[in-house]
Amino acid sequence: MQHALSPWTASGRAALDQVIQTQASIISYIDDFKLMMILSLAAIPLVLLLRSARNALAKATMRW
């Protein structure tokens, strides 16, 4: 009886290759989303600093 994912047949090797490629694609998407999450979380304090700087600049110009 032949197995669909048998590495000893050409069709089995092709099926195994497809499974590995699919899993690698899924892992790469997960890694990309993790990187985007880390970059987004790192950018949040910068956004808050920009808002406070803009408010400070507006207050400074109102004094003149």
PDB file of N, CA and C in Angstrom:
ATOM      1  N   MET A   1       0.845  -1.189   0.000  1.00  0.00           N
ATOM      2  CA  MET A   1       0.000   0.000   0.000  1.00  0.00           C
ATOM      3  C   MET A   1       0.887   1.248   0.000  1.00  0.00           C
ATOM      4  N   GLN A   2       0.632   2.157  -0.929  1.00  0.00           N
ATOM      5  CA  GLN A   2       1.435   3.376  -1.016  1.00  0.00           C
ATOM      6  C   GLN A   2       0.799   4.486  -0.176  1.00  0.00           C
ATOM      7  N   HIS A   3       1.668   5.237   0.462  1.00  0.00           N
ATOM      8  CA  HIS A   3       1.197   6.375   1.249  1.00  0.00           C
ATOM      9  C   HIS A   3       1.342   7.646   0.424  1.00  0.00           C
ATOM     10  N   ALA A   4       0.445   8.584   0.656  1.00  0.00           N
ATOM     11  CA  ALA A   4       0.449   9.820  -0.141  1.00  0.00           C
ATOM     12  C   ALA A   4       1.689  10.667   0.131  1.00  0.00           C
ATOM     13  N   LEU A   5       2.238  10.596   1.348  1.00  0.00           N
ATOM     14  CA  LEU A   5       3.392  11.420   1.710  1.00  0.00           C
ATOM     15  C   LEU A   5       4.682  10.598   1.802  1.00  0.00           C
ATOM     16  N   SER A   6       4.773   9.548   1.039  1.00  0.00           N
ATOM     17  CA  SER A   6       5.944   8.686   1.064  1.00  0.00           C
ATOM     18  C   SER A   6       7.131   9.373   0.376  1.00  0.00           C
ATOM     19  N   PRO A   7       8.268   9.481   1.043  1.00  0.00           N
ATOM     20  CA  PRO A   7       9.421  10.124   0.414  1.00  0.00           C
ATOM     21  C   PRO A   7      10.104   9.251  -0.640  1.00  0.00           C
ATOM     22  N   TRP A   8       9.656   7.999  -0.828  1.00  0.00           N
ATOM     23  CA  TRP A   8      10.287   7.106  -1.788  1.00  0.00           C
ATOM     24  C   TRP A   8       9.642   7.164  -3.172  1.00  0.00           C
ATOM     25  N   THR A   9       8.562   7.933  -3.298  1.00  0.00           N
ATOM     26  CA  THR A   9       7.931   8.083  -4.612  1.00  0.00           C
ATOM     27  C   THR A   9       7.995   9.546  -5.033  1.00  0.00           C
ATOM     28  N   ALA A  10       7.945   9.786  -6.321  1.00  0.00           N
ATOM     29  CA  ALA A  10       8.009  11.160  -6.833  1.00  0.00           C
ATOM     30  C   ALA A  10       6.795  11.966  -6.394  1.00  0.00           C
ATOM     31  N   SER A  11       5.623  11.371  -6.450  1.00  0.00           N
ATOM     32  CA  SER A  11       4.424  12.103  -6.032  1.00  0.00           C
ATOM     33  C   SER A  11       4.419  12.342  -4.525  1.00  0.00           C
ATOM     34  N   GLY A  12       4.977  11.392  -3.774  1.00  0.00           N
ATOM     35  CA  GLY A  12       5.073  11.570  -2.321  1.00  0.00           C
ATOM     36  C   GLY A  12       6.020  12.700  -1.967  1.00  0.00           C
ATOM     37  N   ARG A  13       7.169  12.773  -2.680  1.00  0.00           N
ATOM     38  CA  ARG A  13       8.109  13.873  -2.437  1.00  0.00           C
ATOM     39  C   ARG A  13       7.497  15.207  -2.803  1.00  0.00           C
ATOM     40  N   ALA A  14       6.734  15.254  -3.886  1.00  0.00           N
ATOM     41  CA  ALA A  14       6.072  16.497  -4.290  1.00  0.00           C
ATOM     42  C   ALA A  14       5.028  16.912  -3.252  1.00  0.00           C
ATOM     43  N   ALA A  15       4.296  15.941  -2.725  1.00  0.00           N
ATOM     44  CA  ALA A  15       3.293  16.241  -1.704  1.00  0.00           C
ATOM     45  C   ALA A  15       3.957  16.737  -0.423  1.00  0.00           C
ATOM     46  N   LEU A  16       5.055  16.090  -0.028  1.00  0.00           N
ATOM     47  CA  LEU A  16       5.789  16.546   1.153  1.00  0.00           C
ATOM     48  C   LEU A  16       6.341  17.956   0.954  1.00  0.00           C
ATOM     49  N   ASP A  17       6.852  18.228  -0.238  1.00  0.00           N
ATOM     50  CA  ASP A  17       7.366  19.561  -0.533  1.00  0.00           C
ATOM     51  C   ASP A  17       6.263  20.608  -0.417  1.00  0.00           C
ATOM     52  N   GLN A  18       5.081  20.281  -0.903  1.00  0.00           N
ATOM     53  CA  GLN A  18       3.963  21.221  -0.822  1.00  0.00           C
ATOM     54  C   GLN A  18       3.569  21.478   0.635  1.00  0.00           C
ATOM     55  N   VAL A  19       3.545  20.435   1.441  1.00  0.00           N
ATOM     56  CA  VAL A  19       3.207  20.592   2.862  1.00  0.00           C
ATOM     57  C   VAL A  19       4.242  21.470   3.554  1.00  0.00           C
ATOM     58  N   ILE A  20       5.515  21.242   3.267  1.00  0.00           N
ATOM     59  CA  ILE A  20       6.585  22.016   3.899  1.00  0.00           C
ATOM     60  C   ILE A  20       6.524  23.474   3.453  1.00  0.00           C
ATOM     61  N   GLN A  21       6.259  23.712   2.175  1.00  0.00           N
ATOM     62  CA  GLN A  21       6.153  25.088   1.674  1.00  0.00           C
ATOM     63  C   GLN A  21       4.974  25.817   2.317  1.00  0.00           C
ATOM     64  N   THR A  22       3.850  25.123   2.482  1.00  0.00           N
ATOM     65  CA  THR A  22       2.682  25.729   3.117  1.00  0.00           C
ATOM     66  C   THR A  22       2.983  26.092   4.565  1.00  0.00           C
ATOM     67  N   GLN A  23       3.614  25.186   5.284  1.00  0.00           N
ATOM     68  CA  GLN A  23       3.942  25.459   6.680  1.00  0.00           C
ATOM     69  C   GLN A  23       4.963  26.583   6.798  1.00  0.00           C
ATOM     70  N   ALA A  24       5.921  26.638   5.897  1.00  0.00           N
ATOM     71  CA  ALA A  24       6.908  27.720   5.920  1.00  0.00           C
ATOM     72  C   ALA A  24       6.247  29.068   5.638  1.00  0.00           C
ATOM     73  N   SER A  25       5.285  29.085   4.746  1.00  0.00           N
ATOM     74  CA  SER A  25       4.570  30.334   4.455  1.00  0.00           C
ATOM     75  C   SER A  25       3.784  30.807   5.672  1.00  0.00           C
ATOM     76  N   ILE A  26       3.131  29.890   6.339  1.00  0.00           N
ATOM     77  CA  ILE A  26       2.363  30.240   7.540  1.00  0.00           C
ATOM     78  C   ILE A  26       3.289  30.782   8.618  1.00  0.00           C
ATOM     79  N   ILE A  27       4.424  30.141   8.823  1.00  0.00           N
ATOM     80  CA  ILE A  27       5.381  30.599   9.836  1.00  0.00           C
ATOM     81  C   ILE A  27       5.925  31.980   9.484  1.00  0.00           C
ATOM     82  N   SER A  28       6.180  32.226   8.201  1.00  0.00           N
ATOM     83  CA  SER A  28       6.707  33.542   7.818  1.00  0.00           C
ATOM     84  C   SER A  28       5.663  34.637   8.042  1.00  0.00           C
ATOM     85  N   TYR A  29       4.388  34.365   7.770  1.00  0.00           N
ATOM     86  CA  TYR A  29       3.346  35.351   8.049  1.00  0.00           C
ATOM     87  C   TYR A  29       3.237  35.622   9.544  1.00  0.00           C
ATOM     88  N   ILE A  30       3.323  34.573  10.342  1.00  0.00           N
ATOM     89  CA  ILE A  30       3.259  34.754  11.797  1.00  0.00           C
ATOM     90  C   ILE A  30       4.424  35.613  12.273  1.00  0.00           C
ATOM     91  N   ASP A  31       5.626  35.345  11.763  1.00  0.00           N
ATOM     92  CA  ASP A  31       6.800  36.123  12.141  1.00  0.00           C
ATOM     93  C   ASP A  31       6.653  37.587  11.714  1.00  0.00           C
ATOM     94  N   ASP A  32       6.102  37.813  10.516  1.00  0.00           N
ATOM     95  CA  ASP A  32       5.895  39.191  10.056  1.00  0.00           C
ATOM     96  C   ASP A  32       4.907  39.935  10.945  1.00  0.00           C
ATOM     97  N   PHE A  33       3.817  39.272  11.331  1.00  0.00           N
ATOM     98  CA  PHE A  33       2.847  39.920  12.199  1.00  0.00           C
ATOM     99  C   PHE A  33       3.435  40.206  13.573  1.00  0.00           C
ATOM    100  N   LYS A  34       4.282  39.314  14.086  1.00  0.00           N
ATOM    101  CA  LYS A  34       4.944  39.563  15.367  1.00  0.00           C
ATOM    102  C   LYS A  34       5.859  40.782  15.265  1.00  0.00           C
ATOM    103  N   LEU A  35       6.605  40.875  14.172  1.00  0.00           N
ATOM    104  CA  LEU A  35       7.490  42.021  13.978  1.00  0.00           C
ATOM    105  C   LEU A  35       6.696  43.318  13.880  1.00  0.00           C
ATOM    106  N   MET A  36       5.592  43.294  13.141  1.00  0.00           N
ATOM    107  CA  MET A  36       4.755  44.491  13.026  1.00  0.00           C
ATOM    108  C   MET A  36       4.157  44.878  14.379  1.00  0.00           C
ATOM    109  N   MET A  37       3.797  43.889  15.196  1.00  0.00           N
ATOM    110  CA  MET A  37       3.267  44.174  16.528  1.00  0.00           C
ATOM    111  C   MET A  37       4.329  44.841  17.387  1.00  0.00           C
ATOM    112  N   ILE A  38       5.551  44.321  17.349  1.00  0.00           N
ATOM    113  CA  ILE A  38       6.630  44.896  18.155  1.00  0.00           C
ATOM    114  C   ILE A  38       6.935  46.318  17.704  1.00  0.00           C
ATOM    115  N   LEU A  39       6.986  46.542  16.397  1.00  0.00           N
ATOM    116  CA  LEU A  39       7.248  47.891  15.892  1.00  0.00           C
ATOM    117  C   LEU A  39       6.120  48.856  16.248  1.00  0.00           C
ATOM    118  N   SER A  40       4.880  48.377  16.185  1.00  0.00           N
ATOM    119  CA  SER A  40       3.745  49.229  16.545  1.00  0.00           C
ATOM    120  C   SER A  40       3.773  49.575  18.026  1.00  0.00           C
ATOM    121  N   LEU A  41       4.059  48.590  18.854  1.00  0.00           N
ATOM    122  CA  LEU A  41       4.131  48.854  20.295  1.00  0.00           C
ATOM    123  C   LEU A  41       5.286  49.796  20.626  1.00  0.00           C
ATOM    124  N   ALA A  42       6.379  49.676  19.895  1.00  0.00           N
ATOM    125  CA  ALA A  42       7.517  50.575  20.135  1.00  0.00           C
ATOM    126  C   ALA A  42       7.213  51.989  19.664  1.00  0.00           C
ATOM    127  N   ALA A  43       6.334  52.151  18.682  1.00  0.00           N
ATOM    128  CA  ALA A  43       6.028  53.479  18.151  1.00  0.00           C
ATOM    129  C   ALA A  43       5.006  54.233  18.995  1.00  0.00           C
ATOM    130  N   ILE A  44       4.253  53.548  19.823  1.00  0.00           N
ATOM    131  CA  ILE A  44       3.214  54.219  20.621  1.00  0.00           C
ATOM    132  C   ILE A  44       3.804  55.297  21.523  1.00  0.00           C
ATOM    133  N   PRO A  45       4.877  55.047  22.271  1.00  0.00           N
ATOM    134  CA  PRO A  45       5.433  56.134  23.091  1.00  0.00           C
ATOM    135  C   PRO A  45       5.917  57.318  22.247  1.00  0.00           C
ATOM    136  N   LEU A  46       6.417  57.054  21.052  1.00  0.00           N
ATOM    137  CA  LEU A  46       6.858  58.151  20.196  1.00  0.00           C
ATOM    138  C   LEU A  46       5.692  59.026  19.774  1.00  0.00           C
ATOM    139  N   VAL A  47       4.560  58.419  19.490  1.00  0.00           N
ATOM    140  CA  VAL A  47       3.368  59.180  19.116  1.00  0.00           C
ATOM    141  C   VAL A  47       2.910  60.045  20.286  1.00  0.00           C
ATOM    142  N   LEU A  48       2.958  59.490  21.480  1.00  0.00           N
ATOM    143  CA  LEU A  48       2.556  60.272  22.657  1.00  0.00           C
ATOM    144  C   LEU A  48       3.507  61.443  22.881  1.00  0.00           C
ATOM    145  N   LEU A  49       4.791  61.246  22.627  1.00  0.00           N
ATOM    146  CA  LEU A  49       5.740  62.343  22.766  1.00  0.00           C
ATOM    147  C   LEU A  49       5.487  63.429  21.730  1.00  0.00           C
ATOM    148  N   LEU A  50       5.126  63.051  20.528  1.00  0.00           N
ATOM    149  CA  LEU A  50       4.843  64.042  19.494  1.00  0.00           C
ATOM    150  C   LEU A  50       3.611  64.865  19.833  1.00  0.00           C
ATOM    151  N   ARG A  51       2.604  64.243  20.399  1.00  0.00           N
ATOM    152  CA  ARG A  51       1.407  64.988  20.788  1.00  0.00           C
ATOM    153  C   ARG A  51       1.732  66.006  21.870  1.00  0.00           C
ATOM    154  N   SER A  52       2.489  65.610  22.877  1.00  0.00           N
ATOM    155  CA  SER A  52       2.793  66.542  23.956  1.00  0.00           C
ATOM    156  C   SER A  52       3.707  67.661  23.463  1.00  0.00           C
ATOM    157  N   ALA A  53       4.584  67.377  22.534  1.00  0.00           N
ATOM    158  CA  ALA A  53       5.439  68.424  21.988  1.00  0.00           C
ATOM    159  C   ALA A  53       4.613  69.418  21.180  1.00  0.00           C
ATOM    160  N   ARG A  54       3.632  68.940  20.439  1.00  0.00           N
ATOM    161  CA  ARG A  54       2.772  69.820  19.662  1.00  0.00           C
ATOM    162  C   ARG A  54       1.944  70.712  20.601  1.00  0.00           C
ATOM    163  N   ASN A  55       1.454  70.120  21.700  1.00  0.00           N
ATOM    164  CA  ASN A  55       0.698  70.908  22.667  1.00  0.00           C
ATOM    165  C   ASN A  55       1.577  71.947  23.336  1.00  0.00           C
ATOM    166  N   ALA A  56       2.809  71.577  23.647  1.00  0.00           N
ATOM    167  CA  ALA A  56       3.740  72.536  24.265  1.00  0.00           C
ATOM    168  C   ALA A  56       4.069  73.662  23.302  1.00  0.00           C
ATOM    169  N   LEU A  57       4.202  73.350  22.035  1.00  0.00           N
ATOM    170  CA  LEU A  57       4.479  74.380  21.047  1.00  0.00           C
ATOM    171  C   LEU A  57       3.283  75.314  20.897  1.00  0.00           C
ATOM    172  N   ALA A  58       2.098  74.767  20.922  1.00  0.00           N
ATOM    173  CA  ALA A  58       0.900  75.616  20.822  1.00  0.00           C
ATOM    174  C   ALA A  58       0.768  76.531  22.034  1.00  0.00           C
ATOM    175  N   LYS A  59       1.070  76.024  23.200  1.00  0.00           N
ATOM    176  CA  LYS A  59       1.017  76.851  24.410  1.00  0.00           C
ATOM    177  C   LYS A  59       2.085  77.937  24.380  1.00  0.00           C
ATOM    178  N   ALA A  60       3.256  77.594  23.850  1.00  0.00           N
ATOM    179  CA  ALA A  60       4.345  78.565  23.794  1.00  0.00           C
ATOM    180  C   ALA A  60       4.015  79.689  22.819  1.00  0.00           C
ATOM    181  N   THR A  61       3.352  79.388  21.717  1.00  0.00           N
ATOM    182  CA  THR A  61       3.012  80.433  20.743  1.00  0.00           C
ATOM    183  C   THR A  61       1.860  81.289  21.233  1.00  0.00           C
ATOM    184  N   MET A  62       1.020  80.781  22.098  1.00  0.00           N
ATOM    185  CA  MET A  62      -0.097  81.562  22.609  1.00  0.00           C
ATOM    186  C   MET A  62       0.385  82.630  23.597  1.00  0.00           C
ATOM    187  N   ARG A  63       1.521  82.404  24.216  1.00  0.00           N
ATOM    188  CA  ARG A  63       2.036  83.374  25.193  1.00  0.00           C
ATOM    189  C   ARG A  63       2.510  84.639  24.517  1.00  0.00           C
ATOM    190  N   TRP A  64       2.937  84.563  23.275  1.00  0.00           N
ATOM    191  CA  TRP A  64       3.461  85.736  22.585  1.00  0.00           C
ATOM    192  C   TRP A  64       2.321  86.594  22.232  1.00  0.00           C
TER     193      TRP A  64
END
